[in-house]
Amino acid sequence: MYCVLKVQNSDLFKRQDYDLFTTLYVSPITASIGGDAEVYTPHGTIKIKIPAGTMTGKQLRVPGKGLKTPNVVGDLYLNVEIEPLVNLTN
């Protein structure tokens, strides 16, 4: 018996070896003063700390939250994008 597995591409994650990459959208206030953000991972939702002064383009690394095999555990990389302010009034 042969078993063929095909790994589908994800709309949420990009893969490089055992590491996963995704975009984390952060509010301008959280980016400025810091705070917590919930992040979806293939292993469930986790809470991470956003450092004060985080800018668009910063990459945050979450160790051990990438792909897992019996021998290797990858990391999750979050590419920060600051959400634009909308519906502002005078």
PDB file of N, CA and C in Angstrom:
ATOM      1  N   MET A   1       0.840  -1.157   0.000  1.00  0.00           N
ATOM      2  CA  MET A   1       0.000   0.000   0.000  1.00  0.00           C
ATOM      3  C   MET A   1       0.893   1.232   0.000  1.00  0.00           C
ATOM      4  N   TYR A   2       0.564   2.185  -0.860  1.00  0.00           N
ATOM      5  CA  TYR A   2       1.267   3.455  -0.922  1.00  0.00           C
ATOM      6  C   TYR A   2       0.308   4.556  -0.509  1.00  0.00           C
ATOM      7  N   CYS A   3       0.838   5.517   0.191  1.00  0.00           N
ATOM      8  CA  CYS A   3       0.043   6.667   0.608  1.00  0.00           C
ATOM      9  C   CYS A   3       0.732   7.916   0.083  1.00  0.00           C
ATOM     10  N   VAL A   4       0.013   8.712  -0.673  1.00  0.00           N
ATOM     11  CA  VAL A   4       0.562   9.939  -1.230  1.00  0.00           C
ATOM     12  C   VAL A   4      -0.104  11.112  -0.530  1.00  0.00           C
ATOM     13  N   LEU A   5       0.720  11.983   0.053  1.00  0.00           N
ATOM     14  CA  LEU A   5       0.209  13.175   0.723  1.00  0.00           C
ATOM     15  C   LEU A   5       0.568  14.396  -0.101  1.00  0.00           C
ATOM     16  N   LYS A   6      -0.396  15.276  -0.265  1.00  0.00           N
ATOM     17  CA  LYS A   6      -0.148  16.515  -0.977  1.00  0.00           C
ATOM     18  C   LYS A   6      -0.461  17.665  -0.025  1.00  0.00           C
ATOM     19  N   VAL A   7       0.512  18.548   0.164  1.00  0.00           N
ATOM     20  CA  VAL A   7       0.337  19.687   1.053  1.00  0.00           C
ATOM     21  C   VAL A   7      -0.254  20.839   0.251  1.00  0.00           C
ATOM     22  N   GLN A   8      -1.391  21.340   0.711  1.00  0.00           N
ATOM     23  CA  GLN A   8      -2.041  22.446   0.024  1.00  0.00           C
ATOM     24  C   GLN A   8      -1.425  23.769   0.455  1.00  0.00           C
ATOM     25  N   ASN A   9      -1.442  24.745  -0.441  1.00  0.00           N
ATOM     26  CA  ASN A   9      -1.004  26.088  -0.095  1.00  0.00           C
ATOM     27  C   ASN A   9      -2.034  26.735   0.814  1.00  0.00           C
ATOM     28  N   SER A  10      -1.582  27.640   1.650  1.00  0.00           N
ATOM     29  CA  SER A  10      -2.441  28.342   2.587  1.00  0.00           C
ATOM     30  C   SER A  10      -2.586  29.792   2.160  1.00  0.00           C
ATOM     31  N   ASP A  11      -3.784  30.342   2.353  1.00  0.00           N
ATOM     32  CA  ASP A  11      -3.990  31.764   2.097  1.00  0.00           C
ATOM     33  C   ASP A  11      -3.438  32.605   3.245  1.00  0.00           C
ATOM     34  N   LEU A  12      -3.263  31.999   4.408  1.00  0.00           N
ATOM     35  CA  LEU A  12      -2.844  32.716   5.606  1.00  0.00           C
ATOM     36  C   LEU A  12      -1.335  32.668   5.839  1.00  0.00           C
ATOM     37  N   PHE A  13      -0.711  31.534   5.547  1.00  0.00           N
ATOM     38  CA  PHE A  13       0.705  31.345   5.848  1.00  0.00           C
ATOM     39  C   PHE A  13       1.513  31.075   4.579  1.00  0.00           C
ATOM     40  N   LYS A  14       2.728  31.573   4.575  1.00  0.00           N
ATOM     41  CA  LYS A  14       3.720  31.202   3.575  1.00  0.00           C
ATOM     42  C   LYS A  14       4.743  30.335   4.298  1.00  0.00           C
ATOM     43  N   ARG A  15       5.282  29.366   3.606  1.00  0.00           N
ATOM     44  CA  ARG A  15       6.185  28.409   4.226  1.00  0.00           C
ATOM     45  C   ARG A  15       7.582  28.512   3.625  1.00  0.00           C
ATOM     46  N   GLN A  16       8.582  28.434   4.496  1.00  0.00           N
ATOM     47  CA  GLN A  16       9.977  28.334   4.066  1.00  0.00           C
ATOM     48  C   GLN A  16      10.615  27.291   4.985  1.00  0.00           C
ATOM     49  N   ASP A  17      10.871  26.123   4.438  1.00  0.00           N
ATOM     50  CA  ASP A  17      11.317  24.960   5.226  1.00  0.00           C
ATOM     51  C   ASP A  17      10.291  24.695   6.325  1.00  0.00           C
ATOM     52  N   TYR A  18      10.687  24.785   7.585  1.00  0.00           N
ATOM     53  CA  TYR A  18       9.767  24.528   8.691  1.00  0.00           C
ATOM     54  C   TYR A  18       9.229  25.811   9.314  1.00  0.00           C
ATOM     55  N   ASP A  19       9.663  26.961   8.804  1.00  0.00           N
ATOM     56  CA  ASP A  19       9.205  28.245   9.316  1.00  0.00           C
ATOM     57  C   ASP A  19       7.974  28.711   8.546  1.00  0.00           C
ATOM     58  N   LEU A  20       7.088  29.418   9.256  1.00  0.00           N
ATOM     59  CA  LEU A  20       5.885  29.979   8.650  1.00  0.00           C
ATOM     60  C   LEU A  20       5.933  31.494   8.753  1.00  0.00           C
ATOM     61  N   PHE A  21       5.384  32.172   7.736  1.00  0.00           N
ATOM     62  CA  PHE A  21       5.358  33.624   7.684  1.00  0.00           C
ATOM     63  C   PHE A  21       3.918  34.073   7.450  1.00  0.00           C
ATOM     64  N   THR A  22       3.507  35.116   8.170  1.00  0.00           N
ATOM     65  CA  THR A  22       2.178  35.674   7.987  1.00  0.00           C
ATOM     66  C   THR A  22       2.211  37.154   8.335  1.00  0.00           C
ATOM     67  N   THR A  23       1.126  37.853   8.045  1.00  0.00           N
ATOM     68  CA  THR A  23       1.019  39.273   8.352  1.00  0.00           C
ATOM     69  C   THR A  23       0.193  39.456   9.613  1.00  0.00           C
ATOM     70  N   LEU A  24       0.675  40.338  10.485  1.00  0.00           N
ATOM     71  CA  LEU A  24      -0.049  40.689  11.707  1.00  0.00           C
ATOM     72  C   LEU A  24      -0.483  42.144  11.587  1.00  0.00           C
ATOM     73  N   TYR A  25      -1.797  42.384  11.567  1.00  0.00           N
ATOM     74  CA  TYR A  25      -2.334  43.737  11.483  1.00  0.00           C
ATOM     75  C   TYR A  25      -2.513  44.272  12.899  1.00  0.00           C
ATOM     76  N   VAL A  26      -1.937  45.450  13.147  1.00  0.00           N
ATOM     77  CA  VAL A  26      -1.924  46.040  14.486  1.00  0.00           C
ATOM     78  C   VAL A  26      -2.524  47.440  14.410  1.00  0.00           C
ATOM     79  N   SER A  27      -3.298  47.821  15.433  1.00  0.00           N
ATOM     80  CA  SER A  27      -3.864  49.168  15.468  1.00  0.00           C
ATOM     81  C   SER A  27      -2.745  50.181  15.727  1.00  0.00           C
ATOM     82  N   PRO A  28      -2.921  51.420  15.271  1.00  0.00           N
ATOM     83  CA  PRO A  28      -1.895  52.443  15.499  1.00  0.00           C
ATOM     84  C   PRO A  28      -1.611  52.678  16.983  1.00  0.00           C
ATOM     85  N   ILE A  29      -2.635  52.590  17.810  1.00  0.00           N
ATOM     86  CA  ILE A  29      -2.452  52.809  19.244  1.00  0.00           C
ATOM     87  C   ILE A  29      -1.611  51.697  19.856  1.00  0.00           C
ATOM     88  N   THR A  30      -1.928  50.445  19.531  1.00  0.00           N
ATOM     89  CA  THR A  30      -1.154  49.322  20.048  1.00  0.00           C
ATOM     90  C   THR A  30       0.283  49.394  19.558  1.00  0.00           C
ATOM     91  N   ALA A  31       0.484  49.778  18.307  1.00  0.00           N
ATOM     92  CA  ALA A  31       1.835  49.899  17.766  1.00  0.00           C
ATOM     93  C   ALA A  31       2.612  50.998  18.491  1.00  0.00           C
ATOM     94  N   SER A  32       1.943  52.077  18.849  1.00  0.00           N
ATOM     95  CA  SER A  32       2.614  53.207  19.496  1.00  0.00           C
ATOM     96  C   SER A  32       2.977  52.925  20.949  1.00  0.00           C
ATOM     97  N   ILE A  33       2.002  52.451  21.719  1.00  0.00           N
ATOM     98  CA  ILE A  33       2.243  52.299  23.157  1.00  0.00           C
ATOM     99  C   ILE A  33       2.515  50.856  23.577  1.00  0.00           C
ATOM    100  N   GLY A  34       2.380  49.921  22.647  1.00  0.00           N
ATOM    101  CA  GLY A  34       2.580  48.509  22.966  1.00  0.00           C
ATOM    102  C   GLY A  34       1.303  47.883  23.500  1.00  0.00           C
ATOM    103  N   GLY A  35       1.289  46.586  23.558  1.00  0.00           N
ATOM    104  CA  GLY A  35       0.115  45.875  24.059  1.00  0.00           C
ATOM    105  C   GLY A  35       0.125  44.430  23.606  1.00  0.00           C
ATOM    106  N   ASP A  36      -0.998  43.787  23.779  1.00  0.00           N
ATOM    107  CA  ASP A  36      -1.140  42.377  23.412  1.00  0.00           C
ATOM    108  C   ASP A  36      -1.891  42.245  22.097  1.00  0.00           C
ATOM    109  N   ALA A  37      -1.605  41.156  21.395  1.00  0.00           N
ATOM    110  CA  ALA A  37      -2.336  40.819  20.170  1.00  0.00           C
ATOM    111  C   ALA A  37      -2.552  39.318  20.147  1.00  0.00           C
ATOM    112  N   GLU A  38      -3.724  38.910  19.675  1.00  0.00           N
ATOM    113  CA  GLU A  38      -3.998  37.489  19.492  1.00  0.00           C
ATOM    114  C   GLU A  38      -3.581  37.104  18.085  1.00  0.00           C
ATOM    115  N   VAL A  39      -2.881  35.983  17.991  1.00  0.00           N
ATOM    116  CA  VAL A  39      -2.346  35.519  16.716  1.00  0.00           C
ATOM    117  C   VAL A  39      -2.818  34.093  16.481  1.00  0.00           C
ATOM    118  N   TYR A  40      -3.389  33.845  15.302  1.00  0.00           N
ATOM    119  CA  TYR A  40      -3.782  32.497  14.920  1.00  0.00           C
ATOM    120  C   TYR A  40      -2.542  31.758  14.429  1.00  0.00           C
ATOM    121  N   THR A  41      -2.331  30.549  14.944  1.00  0.00           N
ATOM    122  CA  THR A  41      -1.248  29.683  14.486  1.00  0.00           C
ATOM    123  C   THR A  41      -1.863  28.347  14.082  1.00  0.00           C
ATOM    124  N   PRO A  42      -1.132  27.501  13.388  1.00  0.00           N
ATOM    125  CA  PRO A  42      -1.666  26.178  13.065  1.00  0.00           C
ATOM    126  C   PRO A  42      -1.934  25.327  14.309  1.00  0.00           C
ATOM    127  N   HIS A  43      -1.418  25.770  15.449  1.00  0.00           N
ATOM    128  CA  HIS A  43      -1.565  25.006  16.694  1.00  0.00           C
ATOM    129  C   HIS A  43      -2.546  25.657  17.654  1.00  0.00           C
ATOM    130  N   GLY A  44      -3.286  26.658  17.180  1.00  0.00           N
ATOM    131  CA  GLY A  44      -4.252  27.356  18.021  1.00  0.00           C
ATOM    132  C   GLY A  44      -3.895  28.823  18.152  1.00  0.00           C
ATOM    133  N   THR A  45      -4.750  29.573  18.801  1.00  0.00           N
ATOM    134  CA  THR A  45      -4.546  31.005  18.985  1.00  0.00           C
ATOM    135  C   THR A  45      -3.642  31.254  20.186  1.00  0.00           C
ATOM    136  N   ILE A  46      -2.689  32.191  20.014  1.00  0.00           N
ATOM    137  CA  ILE A  46      -1.794  32.560  21.104  1.00  0.00           C
ATOM    138  C   ILE A  46      -1.856  34.068  21.300  1.00  0.00           C
ATOM    139  N   LYS A  47      -1.385  34.533  22.444  1.00  0.00           N
ATOM    140  CA  LYS A  47      -1.320  35.955  22.734  1.00  0.00           C
ATOM    141  C   LYS A  47       0.152  36.353  22.771  1.00  0.00           C
ATOM    142  N   ILE A  48       0.493  37.426  22.063  1.00  0.00           N
ATOM    143  CA  ILE A  48       1.876  37.902  22.067  1.00  0.00           C
ATOM    144  C   ILE A  48       1.915  39.373  22.473  1.00  0.00           C
ATOM    145  N   LYS A  49       3.082  39.810  22.920  1.00  0.00           N
ATOM    146  CA  LYS A  49       3.296  41.206  23.288  1.00  0.00           C
ATOM    147  C   LYS A  49       3.806  41.979  22.075  1.00  0.00           C
ATOM    148  N   ILE A  50       3.198  43.121  21.815  1.00  0.00           N
ATOM    149  CA  ILE A  50       3.656  44.029  20.775  1.00  0.00           C
ATOM    150  C   ILE A  50       4.478  45.110  21.473  1.00  0.00           C
ATOM    151  N   PRO A  51       5.760  45.238  21.122  1.00  0.00           N
ATOM    152  CA  PRO A  51       6.580  46.266  21.774  1.00  0.00           C
ATOM    153  C   PRO A  51       6.135  47.679  21.401  1.00  0.00           C
ATOM    154  N   ALA A  52       6.259  48.619  22.339  1.00  0.00           N
ATOM    155  CA  ALA A  52       5.953  50.022  22.056  1.00  0.00           C
ATOM    156  C   ALA A  52       6.870  50.514  20.943  1.00  0.00           C
ATOM    157  N   GLY A  53       6.326  51.338  20.057  1.00  0.00           N
ATOM    158  CA  GLY A  53       7.109  51.897  18.968  1.00  0.00           C
ATOM    159  C   GLY A  53       7.259  50.973  17.771  1.00  0.00           C
ATOM    160  N   THR A  54       6.444  49.931  17.704  1.00  0.00           N
ATOM    161  CA  THR A  54       6.507  49.004  16.566  1.00  0.00           C
ATOM    162  C   THR A  54       6.063  49.719  15.292  1.00  0.00           C
ATOM    163  N   MET A  55       6.812  49.513  14.231  1.00  0.00           N
ATOM    164  CA  MET A  55       6.535  50.168  12.954  1.00  0.00           C
ATOM    165  C   MET A  55       6.128  49.127  11.908  1.00  0.00           C
ATOM    166  N   THR A  56       5.427  49.576  10.871  1.00  0.00           N
ATOM    167  CA  THR A  56       5.128  48.715   9.734  1.00  0.00           C
ATOM    168  C   THR A  56       6.440  48.188   9.166  1.00  0.00           C
ATOM    169  N   GLY A  57       6.458  46.910   8.850  1.00  0.00           N
ATOM    170  CA  GLY A  57       7.661  46.292   8.297  1.00  0.00           C
ATOM    171  C   GLY A  57       8.484  45.542   9.330  1.00  0.00           C
ATOM    172  N   LYS A  58       8.235  45.790  10.609  1.00  0.00           N
ATOM    173  CA  LYS A  58       8.966  45.048  11.643  1.00  0.00           C
ATOM    174  C   LYS A  58       8.540  43.586  11.594  1.00  0.00           C
ATOM    175  N   GLN A  59       9.484  42.703  11.823  1.00  0.00           N
ATOM    176  CA  GLN A  59       9.184  41.277  11.825  1.00  0.00           C
ATOM    177  C   GLN A  59       9.366  40.734  13.239  1.00  0.00           C
ATOM    178  N   LEU A  60       8.318  40.115  13.761  1.00  0.00           N
ATOM    179  CA  LEU A  60       8.359  39.505  15.089  1.00  0.00           C
ATOM    180  C   LEU A  60       8.487  37.995  14.932  1.00  0.00           C
ATOM    181  N   ARG A  61       9.308  37.377  15.765  1.00  0.00           N
ATOM    182  CA  ARG A  61       9.526  35.930  15.704  1.00  0.00           C
ATOM    183  C   ARG A  61       8.893  35.267  16.918  1.00  0.00           C
ATOM    184  N   VAL A  62       8.113  34.212  16.661  1.00  0.00           N
ATOM    185  CA  VAL A  62       7.511  33.426  17.730  1.00  0.00           C
ATOM    186  C   VAL A  62       8.122  32.030  17.648  1.00  0.00           C
ATOM    187  N   PRO A  63       9.085  31.722  18.513  1.00  0.00           N
ATOM    188  CA  PRO A  63       9.784  30.434  18.432  1.00  0.00           C
ATOM    189  C   PRO A  63       8.851  29.245  18.667  1.00  0.00           C
ATOM    190  N   GLY A  64       9.058  28.196  17.903  1.00  0.00           N
ATOM    191  CA  GLY A  64       8.348  26.941  18.110  1.00  0.00           C
ATOM    192  C   GLY A  64       6.912  26.886  17.631  1.00  0.00           C
ATOM    193  N   LYS A  65       6.456  27.912  16.919  1.00  0.00           N
ATOM    194  CA  LYS A  65       5.059  27.931  16.462  1.00  0.00           C
ATOM    195  C   LYS A  65       4.936  27.738  14.953  1.00  0.00           C
ATOM    196  N   GLY A  66       6.001  27.243  14.324  1.00  0.00           N
ATOM    197  CA  GLY A  66       5.954  26.922  12.903  1.00  0.00           C
ATOM    198  C   GLY A  66       5.534  25.468  12.722  1.00  0.00           C
ATOM    199  N   LEU A  67       6.021  24.841  11.669  1.00  0.00           N
ATOM    200  CA  LEU A  67       5.707  23.438  11.420  1.00  0.00           C
ATOM    201  C   LEU A  67       6.473  22.548  12.389  1.00  0.00           C
ATOM    202  N   LYS A  68       5.836  21.470  12.790  1.00  0.00           N
ATOM    203  CA  LYS A  68       6.454  20.551  13.742  1.00  0.00           C
ATOM    204  C   LYS A  68       6.571  19.158  13.145  1.00  0.00           C
ATOM    205  N   THR A  69       7.718  18.552  13.342  1.00  0.00           N
ATOM    206  CA  THR A  69       7.940  17.149  13.003  1.00  0.00           C
ATOM    207  C   THR A  69       8.555  16.518  14.244  1.00  0.00           C
ATOM    208  N   PRO A  70       8.726  15.201  14.271  1.00  0.00           N
ATOM    209  CA  PRO A  70       9.364  14.601  15.446  1.00  0.00           C
ATOM    210  C   PRO A  70      10.786  15.120  15.691  1.00  0.00           C
ATOM    211  N   ASN A  71      11.472  15.608  14.653  1.00  0.00           N
ATOM    212  CA  ASN A  71      12.865  16.028  14.808  1.00  0.00           C
ATOM    213  C   ASN A  71      13.091  17.530  14.736  1.00  0.00           C
ATOM    214  N   VAL A  72      12.160  18.268  14.117  1.00  0.00           N
ATOM    215  CA  VAL A  72      12.377  19.698  13.865  1.00  0.00           C
ATOM    216  C   VAL A  72      11.117  20.482  14.228  1.00  0.00           C
ATOM    217  N   VAL A  73      11.337  21.657  14.828  1.00  0.00           N
ATOM    218  CA  VAL A  73      10.231  22.577  15.101  1.00  0.00           C
ATOM    219  C   VAL A  73      10.602  23.925  14.506  1.00  0.00           C
ATOM    220  N   GLY A  74       9.736  24.435  13.645  1.00  0.00           N
ATOM    221  CA  GLY A  74       9.990  25.724  13.009  1.00  0.00           C
ATOM    222  C   GLY A  74       9.440  26.876  13.821  1.00  0.00           C
ATOM    223  N   ASP A  75       9.711  28.077  13.363  1.00  0.00           N
ATOM    224  CA  ASP A  75       9.249  29.288  14.026  1.00  0.00           C
ATOM    225  C   ASP A  75       8.174  29.969  13.187  1.00  0.00           C
ATOM    226  N   LEU A  76       7.411  30.841  13.827  1.00  0.00           N
ATOM    227  CA  LEU A  76       6.401  31.654  13.154  1.00  0.00           C
ATOM    228  C   LEU A  76       6.925  33.083  13.098  1.00  0.00           C
ATOM    229  N   TYR A  77       6.937  33.669  11.914  1.00  0.00           N
ATOM    230  CA  TYR A  77       7.377  35.053  11.731  1.00  0.00           C
ATOM    231  C   TYR A  77       6.173  35.907  11.377  1.00  0.00           C
ATOM    232  N   LEU A  78       6.014  37.009  12.091  1.00  0.00           N
ATOM    233  CA  LEU A  78       4.891  37.913  11.891  1.00  0.00           C
ATOM    234  C   LEU A  78       5.402  39.213  11.291  1.00  0.00           C
ATOM    235  N   ASN A  79       4.943  39.531  10.098  1.00  0.00           N
ATOM    236  CA  ASN A  79       5.296  40.792   9.451  1.00  0.00           C
ATOM    237  C   ASN A  79       4.234  41.822   9.821  1.00  0.00           C
ATOM    238  N   VAL A  80       4.633  42.838  10.577  1.00  0.00           N
ATOM    239  CA  VAL A  80       3.691  43.806  11.134  1.00  0.00           C
ATOM    240  C   VAL A  80       3.245  44.805  10.064  1.00  0.00           C
ATOM    241  N   GLU A  81       1.937  45.003  10.006  1.00  0.00           N
ATOM    242  CA  GLU A  81       1.310  46.046   9.185  1.00  0.00           C
ATOM    243  C   GLU A  81       0.404  46.845  10.116  1.00  0.00           C
ATOM    244  N   ILE A  82       0.605  48.157  10.158  1.00  0.00           N
ATOM    245  CA  ILE A  82      -0.238  49.001  11.004  1.00  0.00           C
ATOM    246  C   ILE A  82      -1.482  49.377  10.226  1.00  0.00           C
ATOM    247  N   GLU A  83      -2.637  49.135  10.847  1.00  0.00           N
ATOM    248  CA  GLU A  83      -3.914  49.423  10.208  1.00  0.00           C
ATOM    249  C   GLU A  83      -4.105  50.929  10.084  1.00  0.00           C
ATOM    250  N   PRO A  84      -4.621  51.398   8.974  1.00  0.00           N
ATOM    251  CA  PRO A  84      -4.855  52.844   8.834  1.00  0.00           C
ATOM    252  C   PRO A  84      -6.030  53.293   9.692  1.00  0.00           C
ATOM    253  N   LEU A  85      -5.977  54.546  10.126  1.00  0.00           N
ATOM    254  CA  LEU A  85      -7.102  55.125  10.863  1.00  0.00           C
ATOM    255  C   LEU A  85      -8.219  55.447   9.872  1.00  0.00           C
ATOM    256  N   VAL A  86      -9.443  55.113  10.218  1.00  0.00           N
ATOM    257  CA  VAL A  86     -10.575  55.395   9.342  1.00  0.00           C
ATOM    258  C   VAL A  86     -11.684  56.044  10.136  1.00  0.00           C
ATOM    259  N   ASN A  87     -12.588  56.743   9.427  1.00  0.00           N
ATOM    260  CA  ASN A  87     -13.754  57.386  10.031  1.00  0.00           C
ATOM    261  C   ASN A  87     -13.385  58.404  11.107  1.00  0.00           C
ATOM    262  N   LEU A  88     -12.350  59.188  10.835  1.00  0.00           N
ATOM    263  CA  LEU A  88     -11.968  60.238  11.778  1.00  0.00           C
ATOM    264  C   LEU A  88     -12.832  61.464  11.542  1.00  0.00           C
ATOM    265  N   THR A  89     -13.237  62.123  12.620  1.00  0.00           N
ATOM    266  CA  THR A  89     -14.018  63.355  12.511  1.00  0.00           C
ATOM    267  C   THR A  89     -13.299  64.471  13.238  1.00  0.00           C
ATOM    268  N   ASN A  90     -13.713  65.708  12.968  1.00  0.00           N
ATOM    269  CA  ASN A  90     -13.087  66.867  13.618  1.00  0.00           C
ATOM    270  C   ASN A  90     -13.528  67.007  15.025  1.00  0.00           C
TER     271      ASN A  90
END
